Amino acid sequence: MVRYCEQTTTFQHPWDQVVQAFWHRYPNPHSSHVLTEDTVQRQMTGGCLRSKRIVTKTNRMPKWGERFLSARTVAVLEESACEPARRSLVTLTRNLGHTHLMQVSERVEYVPHPDEPGHTLVRRQAWVSSAVFGFGYAIQAFGVDRFKKNLNSTVLGFNHVLSKMFPRRRLEDVALDQPLSAMDSRKERLRETAKKAKELAKSRAGSLVAACSEKESR
């Protein structure tokens, strides 16, 4: 028996920025469970960048699960296919160790959001299975629950990396700029008016002095 779960997320950044952040998402304050990451293979085939990475993560187990497994870490294989022309990034991940106890396979697809321009839609699918006789259902339920809880940290971590790589101005800042711009424009107009008035005053004063000088000469 296999347990299945699915979740979608929208990132408020265009697809190309999300893809760039994907390669730099570790480390971040929300990924303390990720210990190492190593790229073991990368090649370009027909306009598609294919990569394989090994990610080592902590493997916390509940008390009842320690009777089956005492290892504190697990290695995960991450395979990805990035096609810029199609604006598609698909990743497949699965744990390499402890597969008899629990096998977790995940597929994630990153595509431009069909309804929100400048945003990216991410669809995650996960399959959890266990071959432990008599405890398979409980282990699968634990795996699905942990997957759902980790999703929150995953999204927070990804957004943290996006905000650092591609900082965006807050709406409040943009709103505050508008009256300032209007004020600056008004000040500029006042300065221009004052300058013209000063030049006019100088011109009139010059004419007056010239007239007085002419009278005195007579």
N, C-alpha and C. Protein backbone atom coordinates (compact mmCIF):
# COMPACT_ATOMS: atom_id res chain seq x y z
N MET A 1 0.85 -1.20 0.00
CA MET A 1 0.00 0.00 0.00
C MET A 1 0.88 1.25 0.00
N VAL A 2 0.46 2.27 -0.73
CA VAL A 2 1.21 3.52 -0.84
C VAL A 2 0.31 4.69 -0.46
N ARG A 3 0.81 5.57 0.36
CA ARG A 3 0.08 6.79 0.72
C ARG A 3 0.52 7.92 -0.20
N TYR A 4 -0.45 8.75 -0.62
CA TYR A 4 -0.17 9.83 -1.56
C TYR A 4 -0.65 11.16 -1.00
N CYS A 5 0.14 12.21 -1.24
CA CYS A 5 -0.31 13.55 -0.84
C CYS A 5 0.20 14.56 -1.87
N GLU A 6 -0.49 15.68 -1.95
CA GLU A 6 -0.18 16.70 -2.96
C GLU A 6 -0.37 18.09 -2.36
N GLN A 7 0.45 19.04 -2.84
CA GLN A 7 0.35 20.42 -2.36
C GLN A 7 0.84 21.37 -3.44
N THR A 8 0.19 22.53 -3.56
CA THR A 8 0.62 23.54 -4.52
C THR A 8 1.00 24.82 -3.78
N THR A 9 1.99 25.52 -4.32
CA THR A 9 2.48 26.76 -3.73
C THR A 9 2.69 27.78 -4.84
N THR A 10 2.43 29.04 -4.52
CA THR A 10 2.69 30.12 -5.48
C THR A 10 3.78 31.03 -4.92
N PHE A 11 4.85 31.20 -5.70
CA PHE A 11 5.90 32.13 -5.33
C PHE A 11 5.70 33.42 -6.12
N GLN A 12 5.80 34.55 -5.43
CA GLN A 12 5.56 35.84 -6.07
C GLN A 12 6.82 36.36 -6.78
N HIS A 13 7.39 35.49 -7.58
CA HIS A 13 8.57 35.83 -8.37
C HIS A 13 8.44 35.12 -9.71
N PRO A 14 9.01 35.67 -10.78
CA PRO A 14 8.95 35.01 -12.09
C PRO A 14 9.72 33.70 -12.10
N TRP A 15 9.42 32.87 -13.07
CA TRP A 15 9.98 31.53 -13.15
C TRP A 15 11.50 31.53 -13.16
N ASP A 16 12.13 32.42 -13.93
CA ASP A 16 13.58 32.40 -14.04
C ASP A 16 14.26 32.70 -12.71
N GLN A 17 13.64 33.58 -11.90
CA GLN A 17 14.21 33.89 -10.58
C GLN A 17 14.05 32.69 -9.64
N VAL A 18 12.90 32.03 -9.68
CA VAL A 18 12.66 30.87 -8.82
C VAL A 18 13.65 29.76 -9.16
N VAL A 19 13.93 29.56 -10.44
CA VAL A 19 14.87 28.51 -10.84
C VAL A 19 16.28 28.84 -10.35
N GLN A 20 16.67 30.10 -10.45
CA GLN A 20 17.99 30.49 -9.94
C GLN A 20 18.08 30.26 -8.44
N ALA A 21 17.01 30.59 -7.73
CA ALA A 21 17.01 30.39 -6.28
C ALA A 21 17.01 28.91 -5.92
N PHE A 22 16.45 28.08 -6.79
CA PHE A 22 16.41 26.64 -6.53
C PHE A 22 17.81 26.09 -6.31
N TRP A 23 18.78 26.53 -7.11
CA TRP A 23 20.15 26.02 -7.01
C TRP A 23 20.89 26.57 -5.79
N HIS A 24 20.32 27.58 -5.15
CA HIS A 24 20.99 28.20 -4.00
C HIS A 24 20.11 28.17 -2.74
N ARG A 25 19.16 27.24 -2.70
CA ARG A 25 18.21 27.27 -1.59
C ARG A 25 18.80 26.79 -0.26
N TYR A 26 19.96 26.15 -0.29
CA TYR A 26 20.64 25.74 0.95
C TYR A 26 21.98 26.45 1.03
N PRO A 27 22.37 26.87 2.23
CA PRO A 27 21.61 26.82 3.48
C PRO A 27 20.66 28.01 3.60
N ASN A 28 19.70 27.88 4.50
CA ASN A 28 18.82 28.98 4.87
C ASN A 28 18.35 28.72 6.30
N PRO A 29 17.83 29.72 6.98
CA PRO A 29 17.45 29.56 8.40
C PRO A 29 16.42 28.49 8.67
N HIS A 30 15.72 28.04 7.62
CA HIS A 30 14.65 27.05 7.81
C HIS A 30 15.06 25.65 7.34
N SER A 31 16.34 25.45 7.07
CA SER A 31 16.79 24.15 6.56
C SER A 31 17.88 23.55 7.43
N SER A 32 17.73 23.66 8.73
CA SER A 32 18.75 23.12 9.64
C SER A 32 18.86 21.60 9.54
N HIS A 33 17.83 20.96 8.97
CA HIS A 33 17.85 19.50 8.83
C HIS A 33 18.72 19.05 7.66
N VAL A 34 19.09 19.98 6.78
CA VAL A 34 19.94 19.65 5.63
C VAL A 34 21.40 19.79 6.05
N LEU A 35 22.15 18.71 5.96
CA LEU A 35 23.53 18.70 6.42
C LEU A 35 24.52 18.97 5.28
N THR A 36 24.37 18.28 4.16
CA THR A 36 25.29 18.45 3.03
C THR A 36 24.52 18.34 1.72
N GLU A 37 25.13 18.86 0.64
CA GLU A 37 24.59 18.69 -0.71
C GLU A 37 25.76 18.63 -1.69
N ASP A 38 25.72 17.67 -2.58
CA ASP A 38 26.81 17.48 -3.54
C ASP A 38 26.23 17.16 -4.91
N THR A 39 26.73 17.88 -5.93
CA THR A 39 26.32 17.60 -7.30
C THR A 39 27.22 16.49 -7.84
N VAL A 40 26.62 15.38 -8.26
CA VAL A 40 27.39 14.24 -8.73
C VAL A 40 27.36 14.09 -10.25
N GLN A 41 26.40 14.75 -10.89
CA GLN A 41 26.33 14.67 -12.34
C GLN A 41 25.54 15.86 -12.89
N ARG A 42 26.00 16.41 -14.02
CA ARG A 42 25.28 17.52 -14.66
C ARG A 42 25.63 17.52 -16.15
N GLN A 43 24.62 17.56 -16.99
CA GLN A 43 24.87 17.58 -18.43
C GLN A 43 23.72 18.27 -19.16
N MET A 44 24.06 18.84 -20.33
CA MET A 44 23.08 19.53 -21.16
C MET A 44 22.74 18.63 -22.34
N THR A 45 21.48 18.29 -22.49
CA THR A 45 21.05 17.41 -23.57
C THR A 45 19.81 17.98 -24.25
N GLY A 46 19.98 18.36 -25.53
CA GLY A 46 18.83 18.86 -26.28
C GLY A 46 18.13 20.03 -25.64
N GLY A 47 18.89 20.95 -25.08
CA GLY A 47 18.29 22.12 -24.45
C GLY A 47 17.75 21.88 -23.06
N CYS A 48 18.05 20.72 -22.49
CA CYS A 48 17.59 20.37 -21.15
C CYS A 48 18.79 20.13 -20.24
N LEU A 49 18.83 20.86 -19.13
CA LEU A 49 19.90 20.68 -18.16
C LEU A 49 19.47 19.62 -17.15
N ARG A 50 20.20 18.51 -17.14
CA ARG A 50 19.89 17.41 -16.22
C ARG A 50 20.96 17.33 -15.13
N SER A 51 20.51 17.25 -13.90
CA SER A 51 21.45 17.22 -12.77
C SER A 51 21.05 16.13 -11.78
N LYS A 52 22.08 15.64 -11.09
CA LYS A 52 21.86 14.70 -9.99
C LYS A 52 22.63 15.19 -8.78
N ARG A 53 21.95 15.26 -7.65
CA ARG A 53 22.60 15.72 -6.43
C ARG A 53 22.26 14.77 -5.28
N ILE A 54 23.22 14.64 -4.38
CA ILE A 54 23.01 13.87 -3.16
C ILE A 54 22.89 14.85 -2.01
N VAL A 55 21.77 14.78 -1.32
CA VAL A 55 21.52 15.67 -0.17
C VAL A 55 21.42 14.80 1.08
N THR A 56 22.20 15.14 2.08
CA THR A 56 22.16 14.41 3.35
C THR A 56 21.34 15.20 4.36
N LYS A 57 20.38 14.54 4.97
CA LYS A 57 19.49 15.21 5.93
C LYS A 57 19.44 14.42 7.23
N THR A 58 19.01 15.11 8.29
CA THR A 58 18.79 14.42 9.56
C THR A 58 17.55 13.54 9.40
N ASN A 59 17.48 12.51 10.22
CA ASN A 59 16.40 11.54 10.09
C ASN A 59 15.78 11.27 11.46
N ARG A 60 15.10 12.29 11.95
CA ARG A 60 14.50 12.16 13.28
C ARG A 60 13.32 11.19 13.24
N MET A 61 13.31 10.29 14.20
CA MET A 61 12.25 9.29 14.28
C MET A 61 11.52 9.42 15.61
N PRO A 62 10.23 9.07 15.64
CA PRO A 62 9.51 9.06 16.92
C PRO A 62 10.03 7.91 17.78
N LYS A 63 9.72 7.94 19.04
CA LYS A 63 10.21 6.92 19.97
C LYS A 63 9.87 5.51 19.51
N TRP A 64 8.64 5.32 19.02
CA TRP A 64 8.25 3.99 18.61
C TRP A 64 9.01 3.52 17.37
N GLY A 65 9.54 4.51 16.57
CA GLY A 65 10.25 4.14 15.36
C GLY A 65 11.70 3.78 15.59
N GLU A 66 12.24 4.13 16.77
CA GLU A 66 13.65 3.86 17.04
C GLU A 66 13.95 2.36 17.14
N ARG A 67 12.91 1.55 17.39
CA ARG A 67 13.11 0.10 17.47
C ARG A 67 13.43 -0.49 16.11
N PHE A 68 13.02 0.25 15.04
CA PHE A 68 13.28 -0.22 13.68
C PHE A 68 14.54 0.41 13.07
N LEU A 69 14.86 1.63 13.52
CA LEU A 69 15.96 2.36 12.90
C LEU A 69 16.59 3.32 13.90
N SER A 70 17.91 3.21 14.06
CA SER A 70 18.61 4.11 14.99
C SER A 70 19.45 5.15 14.26
N ALA A 71 19.58 5.03 12.93
CA ALA A 71 20.39 5.98 12.15
C ALA A 71 19.79 7.37 12.25
N ARG A 72 20.65 8.38 12.38
CA ARG A 72 20.20 9.76 12.54
C ARG A 72 20.26 10.57 11.26
N THR A 73 20.80 10.00 10.20
CA THR A 73 20.87 10.71 8.92
C THR A 73 20.39 9.82 7.79
N VAL A 74 20.02 10.46 6.68
CA VAL A 74 19.59 9.72 5.50
C VAL A 74 20.06 10.48 4.26
N ALA A 75 20.48 9.74 3.24
CA ALA A 75 20.92 10.33 1.97
C ALA A 75 19.74 10.33 1.00
N VAL A 76 19.57 11.44 0.31
CA VAL A 76 18.46 11.59 -0.64
C VAL A 76 19.03 11.91 -2.02
N LEU A 77 18.54 11.21 -3.04
CA LEU A 77 18.95 11.47 -4.42
C LEU A 77 17.96 12.45 -5.04
N GLU A 78 18.47 13.55 -5.56
CA GLU A 78 17.63 14.56 -6.23
C GLU A 78 18.02 14.63 -7.70
N GLU A 79 17.10 14.27 -8.58
CA GLU A 79 17.30 14.38 -10.03
C GLU A 79 16.43 15.50 -10.56
N SER A 80 17.00 16.34 -11.41
CA SER A 80 16.24 17.48 -11.93
C SER A 80 16.43 17.61 -13.43
N ALA A 81 15.40 18.16 -14.08
CA ALA A 81 15.43 18.44 -15.51
C ALA A 81 14.90 19.85 -15.72
N CYS A 82 15.76 20.73 -16.21
CA CYS A 82 15.39 22.14 -16.41
C CYS A 82 15.41 22.45 -17.91
N GLU A 83 14.26 22.90 -18.42
CA GLU A 83 14.14 23.25 -19.83
C GLU A 83 13.73 24.72 -19.95
N PRO A 84 14.68 25.62 -20.12
CA PRO A 84 14.38 27.06 -20.21
C PRO A 84 13.42 27.41 -21.34
N ALA A 85 13.54 26.74 -22.49
CA ALA A 85 12.67 27.04 -23.63
C ALA A 85 11.20 26.79 -23.29
N ARG A 86 10.95 25.74 -22.52
CA ARG A 86 9.58 25.40 -22.12
C ARG A 86 9.21 26.02 -20.79
N ARG A 87 10.21 26.67 -20.16
CA ARG A 87 10.03 27.27 -18.83
C ARG A 87 9.47 26.22 -17.87
N SER A 88 10.23 25.15 -17.75
CA SER A 88 9.82 24.04 -16.89
C SER A 88 11.01 23.50 -16.11
N LEU A 89 10.80 23.26 -14.83
CA LEU A 89 11.78 22.59 -13.98
C LEU A 89 11.05 21.49 -13.22
N VAL A 90 11.54 20.27 -13.37
CA VAL A 90 10.92 19.12 -12.70
C VAL A 90 12.00 18.41 -11.89
N THR A 91 11.70 18.11 -10.63
CA THR A 91 12.65 17.39 -9.79
C THR A 91 12.00 16.11 -9.27
N LEU A 92 12.83 15.06 -9.15
CA LEU A 92 12.40 13.79 -8.58
C LEU A 92 13.38 13.45 -7.46
N THR A 93 12.88 13.18 -6.27
CA THR A 93 13.75 12.84 -5.14
C THR A 93 13.26 11.57 -4.47
N ARG A 94 14.23 10.84 -3.90
CA ARG A 94 13.89 9.62 -3.16
C ARG A 94 15.04 9.31 -2.21
N ASN A 95 14.69 8.72 -1.08
CA ASN A 95 15.72 8.37 -0.11
C ASN A 95 16.46 7.12 -0.58
N LEU A 96 17.78 7.12 -0.36
CA LEU A 96 18.62 6.01 -0.81
C LEU A 96 18.81 4.95 0.27
N GLY A 97 18.66 5.36 1.51
CA GLY A 97 18.83 4.41 2.61
C GLY A 97 17.53 4.18 3.35
N HIS A 98 17.47 3.11 4.12
CA HIS A 98 16.33 2.78 4.97
C HIS A 98 15.04 2.59 4.15
N THR A 99 15.18 2.13 2.91
CA THR A 99 14.02 2.01 2.04
C THR A 99 13.06 0.90 2.50
N HIS A 100 13.58 -0.10 3.23
CA HIS A 100 12.68 -1.15 3.72
C HIS A 100 11.73 -0.59 4.78
N LEU A 101 12.28 0.31 5.60
CA LEU A 101 11.45 0.93 6.63
C LEU A 101 10.45 1.89 6.01
N MET A 102 10.95 2.80 5.18
CA MET A 102 10.06 3.78 4.55
C MET A 102 10.71 4.33 3.28
N GLN A 103 9.95 4.31 2.20
CA GLN A 103 10.40 4.88 0.92
C GLN A 103 9.55 6.11 0.64
N VAL A 104 10.23 7.25 0.48
CA VAL A 104 9.53 8.50 0.17
C VAL A 104 10.01 9.00 -1.19
N SER A 105 9.09 9.09 -2.14
CA SER A 105 9.41 9.61 -3.47
C SER A 105 8.61 10.90 -3.68
N GLU A 106 9.29 11.90 -4.22
CA GLU A 106 8.64 13.20 -4.40
C GLU A 106 8.89 13.74 -5.80
N ARG A 107 7.86 14.30 -6.39
CA ARG A 107 7.98 14.97 -7.68
C ARG A 107 7.52 16.41 -7.52
N VAL A 108 8.36 17.35 -7.98
CA VAL A 108 8.03 18.78 -7.87
C VAL A 108 8.17 19.41 -9.25
N GLU A 109 7.17 20.18 -9.63
CA GLU A 109 7.20 20.85 -10.93
C GLU A 109 7.06 22.35 -10.73
N TYR A 110 7.96 23.11 -11.36
CA TYR A 110 7.96 24.57 -11.29
C TYR A 110 7.62 25.12 -12.68
N VAL A 111 6.51 25.85 -12.78
CA VAL A 111 6.09 26.43 -14.07
C VAL A 111 5.55 27.84 -13.83
N PRO A 112 5.55 28.70 -14.87
CA PRO A 112 4.94 30.02 -14.72
C PRO A 112 3.47 29.87 -14.35
N HIS A 113 3.00 30.71 -13.46
CA HIS A 113 1.60 30.61 -13.03
C HIS A 113 0.69 30.97 -14.20
N PRO A 114 -0.28 30.11 -14.52
CA PRO A 114 -1.15 30.36 -15.68
C PRO A 114 -2.09 31.55 -15.51
N ASP A 115 -2.38 31.93 -14.27
CA ASP A 115 -3.36 33.00 -14.02
C ASP A 115 -2.76 34.25 -13.39
N GLU A 116 -1.52 34.17 -12.94
CA GLU A 116 -0.89 35.31 -12.27
C GLU A 116 0.46 35.61 -12.92
N PRO A 117 0.51 36.54 -13.86
CA PRO A 117 1.77 36.87 -14.54
C PRO A 117 2.84 37.30 -13.54
N GLY A 118 4.08 36.86 -13.77
CA GLY A 118 5.18 37.23 -12.88
C GLY A 118 5.27 36.37 -11.65
N HIS A 119 4.40 35.35 -11.54
CA HIS A 119 4.42 34.43 -10.41
C HIS A 119 4.76 33.02 -10.90
N THR A 120 5.16 32.18 -9.96
CA THR A 120 5.52 30.80 -10.31
C THR A 120 4.67 29.81 -9.50
N LEU A 121 4.13 28.84 -10.19
CA LEU A 121 3.31 27.81 -9.55
C LEU A 121 4.16 26.56 -9.32
N VAL A 122 4.11 26.04 -8.10
CA VAL A 122 4.88 24.85 -7.75
C VAL A 122 3.91 23.76 -7.27
N ARG A 123 3.98 22.61 -7.92
CA ARG A 123 3.12 21.49 -7.55
C ARG A 123 3.98 20.36 -7.01
N ARG A 124 3.71 19.94 -5.78
CA ARG A 124 4.47 18.87 -5.13
C ARG A 124 3.58 17.63 -4.98
N GLN A 125 4.15 16.49 -5.32
CA GLN A 125 3.47 15.21 -5.15
C GLN A 125 4.41 14.27 -4.40
N ALA A 126 3.87 13.53 -3.46
CA ALA A 126 4.70 12.61 -2.67
C ALA A 126 4.00 11.27 -2.51
N TRP A 127 4.82 10.21 -2.56
CA TRP A 127 4.34 8.85 -2.36
C TRP A 127 5.15 8.23 -1.22
N VAL A 128 4.47 7.70 -0.23
CA VAL A 128 5.14 7.11 0.94
C VAL A 128 4.71 5.65 1.08
N SER A 129 5.70 4.77 1.19
CA SER A 129 5.40 3.34 1.35
C SER A 129 6.31 2.74 2.41
N SER A 130 5.90 1.58 2.94
CA SER A 130 6.70 0.88 3.94
C SER A 130 6.49 -0.62 3.79
N ALA A 131 7.58 -1.35 3.98
CA ALA A 131 7.51 -2.81 3.85
C ALA A 131 7.59 -3.51 5.21
N VAL A 132 7.46 -2.75 6.29
CA VAL A 132 7.53 -3.34 7.62
C VAL A 132 6.18 -4.00 7.95
N PHE A 133 6.19 -5.30 8.10
CA PHE A 133 4.95 -6.05 8.34
C PHE A 133 4.34 -5.67 9.69
N GLY A 134 3.06 -5.34 9.64
CA GLY A 134 2.33 -5.03 10.87
C GLY A 134 2.42 -3.57 11.28
N PHE A 135 3.42 -2.84 10.79
CA PHE A 135 3.58 -1.44 11.17
C PHE A 135 3.59 -0.52 9.93
N GLY A 136 3.37 -1.12 8.76
CA GLY A 136 3.44 -0.34 7.53
C GLY A 136 2.52 0.86 7.51
N TYR A 137 1.26 0.67 7.93
CA TYR A 137 0.28 1.76 7.89
C TYR A 137 0.72 2.91 8.81
N ALA A 138 1.16 2.57 10.03
CA ALA A 138 1.58 3.61 10.98
C ALA A 138 2.79 4.37 10.46
N ILE A 139 3.72 3.65 9.86
CA ILE A 139 4.93 4.29 9.33
C ILE A 139 4.59 5.20 8.15
N GLN A 140 3.68 4.74 7.29
CA GLN A 140 3.26 5.58 6.16
C GLN A 140 2.57 6.85 6.66
N ALA A 141 1.71 6.70 7.65
CA ALA A 141 1.00 7.86 8.20
C ALA A 141 2.00 8.85 8.79
N PHE A 142 3.02 8.32 9.48
CA PHE A 142 4.06 9.19 10.03
C PHE A 142 4.82 9.91 8.91
N GLY A 143 5.13 9.18 7.83
CA GLY A 143 5.86 9.78 6.72
C GLY A 143 5.08 10.89 6.04
N VAL A 144 3.80 10.68 5.83
CA VAL A 144 2.95 11.71 5.21
C VAL A 144 2.84 12.93 6.12
N ASP A 145 2.65 12.69 7.41
CA ASP A 145 2.52 13.80 8.36
C ASP A 145 3.81 14.62 8.41
N ARG A 146 4.96 13.95 8.43
CA ARG A 146 6.23 14.66 8.47
C ARG A 146 6.45 15.44 7.17
N PHE A 147 6.06 14.85 6.04
CA PHE A 147 6.18 15.52 4.76
C PHE A 147 5.39 16.83 4.76
N LYS A 148 4.16 16.79 5.24
CA LYS A 148 3.32 17.98 5.27
C LYS A 148 3.89 19.05 6.19
N LYS A 149 4.42 18.63 7.35
CA LYS A 149 5.00 19.60 8.28
C LYS A 149 6.26 20.24 7.71
N ASN A 150 7.06 19.45 7.00
CA ASN A 150 8.29 19.97 6.42
C ASN A 150 8.03 20.95 5.28
N LEU A 151 6.85 20.84 4.65
CA LEU A 151 6.54 21.73 3.53
C LEU A 151 6.55 23.19 3.96
N ASN A 152 6.05 23.47 5.14
CA ASN A 152 6.03 24.84 5.63
C ASN A 152 7.43 25.42 5.72
N SER A 153 8.37 24.64 6.28
CA SER A 153 9.76 25.09 6.37
C SER A 153 10.38 25.22 4.99
N THR A 154 10.02 24.30 4.09
CA THR A 154 10.55 24.36 2.72
C THR A 154 10.16 25.65 2.03
N VAL A 155 8.88 26.02 2.14
CA VAL A 155 8.40 27.24 1.49
C VAL A 155 9.01 28.48 2.14
N LEU A 156 9.09 28.49 3.47
CA LEU A 156 9.70 29.63 4.17
C LEU A 156 11.17 29.79 3.77
N GLY A 157 11.87 28.68 3.68
CA GLY A 157 13.28 28.73 3.30
C GLY A 157 13.46 29.23 1.88
N PHE A 158 12.61 28.77 0.98
CA PHE A 158 12.70 29.18 -0.42
C PHE A 158 12.42 30.68 -0.55
N ASN A 159 11.40 31.16 0.15
CA ASN A 159 11.08 32.58 0.11
C ASN A 159 12.20 33.42 0.71
N HIS A 160 12.86 32.88 1.72
CA HIS A 160 14.00 33.60 2.33
C HIS A 160 15.11 33.79 1.31
N VAL A 161 15.42 32.73 0.57
CA VAL A 161 16.47 32.81 -0.44
C VAL A 161 16.06 33.77 -1.57
N LEU A 162 14.80 33.69 -1.99
CA LEU A 162 14.31 34.58 -3.05
C LEU A 162 14.42 36.04 -2.64
N SER A 163 14.05 36.34 -1.40
CA SER A 163 14.09 37.74 -0.93
C SER A 163 15.51 38.27 -0.84
N LYS A 164 16.47 37.38 -0.58
CA LYS A 164 17.88 37.81 -0.51
C LYS A 164 18.46 37.98 -1.91
N MET A 165 18.14 37.07 -2.81
CA MET A 165 18.69 37.15 -4.16
C MET A 165 18.00 38.22 -5.01
N PHE A 166 16.70 38.39 -4.79
CA PHE A 166 15.93 39.34 -5.60
C PHE A 166 15.06 40.20 -4.67
N PRO A 167 15.68 41.13 -3.93
CA PRO A 167 14.92 41.97 -3.00
C PRO A 167 13.87 42.79 -3.74
N ARG A 168 12.71 42.86 -3.16
CA ARG A 168 11.60 43.61 -3.76
C ARG A 168 11.20 44.74 -2.83
N ARG A 169 10.90 45.90 -3.39
CA ARG A 169 10.49 47.04 -2.59
C ARG A 169 9.11 46.79 -2.00
N ARG A 170 8.94 47.17 -0.75
CA ARG A 170 7.65 46.99 -0.11
C ARG A 170 6.63 47.97 -0.70
N LEU A 171 5.36 47.58 -0.70
CA LEU A 171 4.32 48.44 -1.22
C LEU A 171 4.24 49.75 -0.44
N GLU A 172 4.53 49.68 0.88
CA GLU A 172 4.48 50.89 1.69
C GLU A 172 5.52 51.89 1.22
N ASP A 173 6.70 51.39 0.84
CA ASP A 173 7.76 52.27 0.37
C ASP A 173 7.37 52.94 -0.94
N VAL A 174 6.73 52.16 -1.83
CA VAL A 174 6.30 52.73 -3.10
C VAL A 174 5.26 53.81 -2.88
N ALA A 175 4.33 53.55 -1.94
CA ALA A 175 3.28 54.53 -1.64
C ALA A 175 3.87 55.81 -1.06
N LEU A 176 4.88 55.64 -0.21
CA LEU A 176 5.50 56.81 0.40
C LEU A 176 6.26 57.64 -0.62
N ASP A 177 6.75 57.00 -1.65
CA ASP A 177 7.51 57.71 -2.67
C ASP A 177 6.64 58.66 -3.48
N GLN A 178 5.37 58.34 -3.63
CA GLN A 178 4.51 59.14 -4.47
C GLN A 178 4.33 60.56 -3.95
N PRO A 179 3.95 60.78 -2.68
CA PRO A 179 3.83 62.15 -2.20
C PRO A 179 5.17 62.87 -2.18
N LEU A 180 6.25 62.12 -1.94
CA LEU A 180 7.56 62.75 -1.95
C LEU A 180 7.90 63.27 -3.34
N SER A 181 7.56 62.50 -4.36
CA SER A 181 7.82 62.91 -5.72
C SER A 181 7.01 64.15 -6.07
N ALA A 182 5.76 64.17 -5.63
CA ALA A 182 4.91 65.32 -5.89
C ALA A 182 5.45 66.56 -5.19
N MET A 183 5.93 66.36 -3.94
CA MET A 183 6.48 67.47 -3.19
C MET A 183 7.74 68.01 -3.86
N ASP A 184 8.59 67.07 -4.32
CA ASP A 184 9.81 67.50 -5.01
C ASP A 184 9.47 68.29 -6.27
N SER A 185 8.45 67.85 -6.99
CA SER A 185 8.04 68.55 -8.21
C SER A 185 7.54 69.95 -7.88
N ARG A 186 6.80 70.04 -6.80
CA ARG A 186 6.27 71.35 -6.38
C ARG A 186 7.39 72.29 -5.99
N LYS A 187 8.37 71.74 -5.25
CA LYS A 187 9.52 72.55 -4.86
C LYS A 187 10.28 73.05 -6.07
N GLU A 188 10.40 72.17 -7.08
CA GLU A 188 11.12 72.54 -8.29
C GLU A 188 10.41 73.68 -9.01
N ARG A 189 9.07 73.61 -9.05
CA ARG A 189 8.31 74.67 -9.69
C ARG A 189 8.45 75.99 -8.94
N LEU A 190 8.45 75.91 -7.61
CA LEU A 190 8.61 77.12 -6.80
C LEU A 190 9.98 77.75 -7.01
N ARG A 191 11.01 76.87 -7.10
CA ARG A 191 12.36 77.39 -7.33
C ARG A 191 12.45 78.07 -8.69
N GLU A 192 11.79 77.46 -9.69
CA GLU A 192 11.81 78.03 -11.04
C GLU A 192 11.09 79.37 -11.07
N THR A 193 9.96 79.46 -10.36
CA THR A 193 9.20 80.71 -10.30
C THR A 193 10.00 81.81 -9.61
N ALA A 194 10.66 81.41 -8.50
CA ALA A 194 11.47 82.38 -7.76
C ALA A 194 12.63 82.88 -8.60
N LYS A 195 13.23 81.98 -9.38
CA LYS A 195 14.35 82.36 -10.23
C LYS A 195 13.91 83.37 -11.28
N LYS A 196 12.74 83.11 -11.89
CA LYS A 196 12.22 84.00 -12.92
C LYS A 196 11.88 85.37 -12.31
N ALA A 197 11.30 85.35 -11.11
CA ALA A 197 10.96 86.62 -10.43
C ALA A 197 12.21 87.42 -10.12
N LYS A 198 13.27 86.70 -9.71
CA LYS A 198 14.53 87.38 -9.39
C LYS A 198 15.13 88.02 -10.64
N GLU A 199 15.09 87.29 -11.76
CA GLU A 199 15.64 87.81 -13.00
C GLU A 199 14.83 89.01 -13.48
N LEU A 200 13.50 88.93 -13.31
CA LEU A 200 12.65 90.04 -13.71
C LEU A 200 12.92 91.27 -12.86
N ALA A 201 13.13 91.04 -11.55
CA ALA A 201 13.43 92.17 -10.65
C ALA A 201 14.75 92.83 -11.02
N LYS A 202 15.73 91.98 -11.35
CA LYS A 202 17.03 92.52 -11.76
C LYS A 202 16.90 93.34 -13.03
N SER A 203 16.10 92.83 -13.96
CA SER A 203 15.92 93.53 -15.23
C SER A 203 15.26 94.88 -15.03
N ARG A 204 14.23 94.90 -14.18
CA ARG A 204 13.54 96.16 -13.92
C ARG A 204 14.44 97.14 -13.17
N ALA A 205 15.21 96.58 -12.23
CA ALA A 205 16.12 97.46 -11.48
C ALA A 205 17.15 98.07 -12.41
N GLY A 206 17.64 97.27 -13.37
CA GLY A 206 18.61 97.78 -14.33
C GLY A 206 18.03 98.87 -15.18
N SER A 207 16.78 98.69 -15.61
CA SER A 207 16.12 99.70 -16.43
C SER A 207 15.91 100.99 -15.65
N LEU A 208 15.55 100.86 -14.37
CA LEU A 208 15.32 102.01 -13.51
C LEU A 208 16.61 102.80 -13.30
N VAL A 209 17.71 102.08 -13.06
CA VAL A 209 19.00 102.75 -12.86
C VAL A 209 19.43 103.48 -14.13
N ALA A 210 19.20 102.83 -15.27
CA ALA A 210 19.58 103.45 -16.54
C ALA A 210 18.77 104.71 -16.78
N ALA A 211 17.47 104.66 -16.43
CA ALA A 211 16.62 105.84 -16.61
C ALA A 211 17.06 106.99 -15.72
N CYS A 212 17.39 106.66 -14.47
CA CYS A 212 17.84 107.69 -13.52
C CYS A 212 19.15 108.31 -14.00
N SER A 213 20.04 107.51 -14.50
CA SER A 213 21.34 108.00 -14.98
C SER A 213 21.16 108.94 -16.15
N GLU A 214 20.20 108.62 -17.02
CA GLU A 214 19.92 109.45 -18.18
C GLU A 214 19.40 110.81 -17.77
N LYS A 215 18.51 110.82 -16.73
CA LYS A 215 17.95 112.10 -16.25
C LYS A 215 19.04 112.96 -15.64
N GLU A 216 19.94 112.35 -14.87
CA GLU A 216 20.99 113.10 -14.21
C GLU A 216 21.94 113.70 -15.24
N SER A 217 22.17 112.99 -16.33
CA SER A 217 23.11 113.48 -17.34
C SER A 217 22.53 114.70 -18.05
N ARG A 218 21.18 114.79 -18.05
CA ARG A 218 20.54 115.93 -18.69
C ARG A 218 20.63 117.14 -17.75
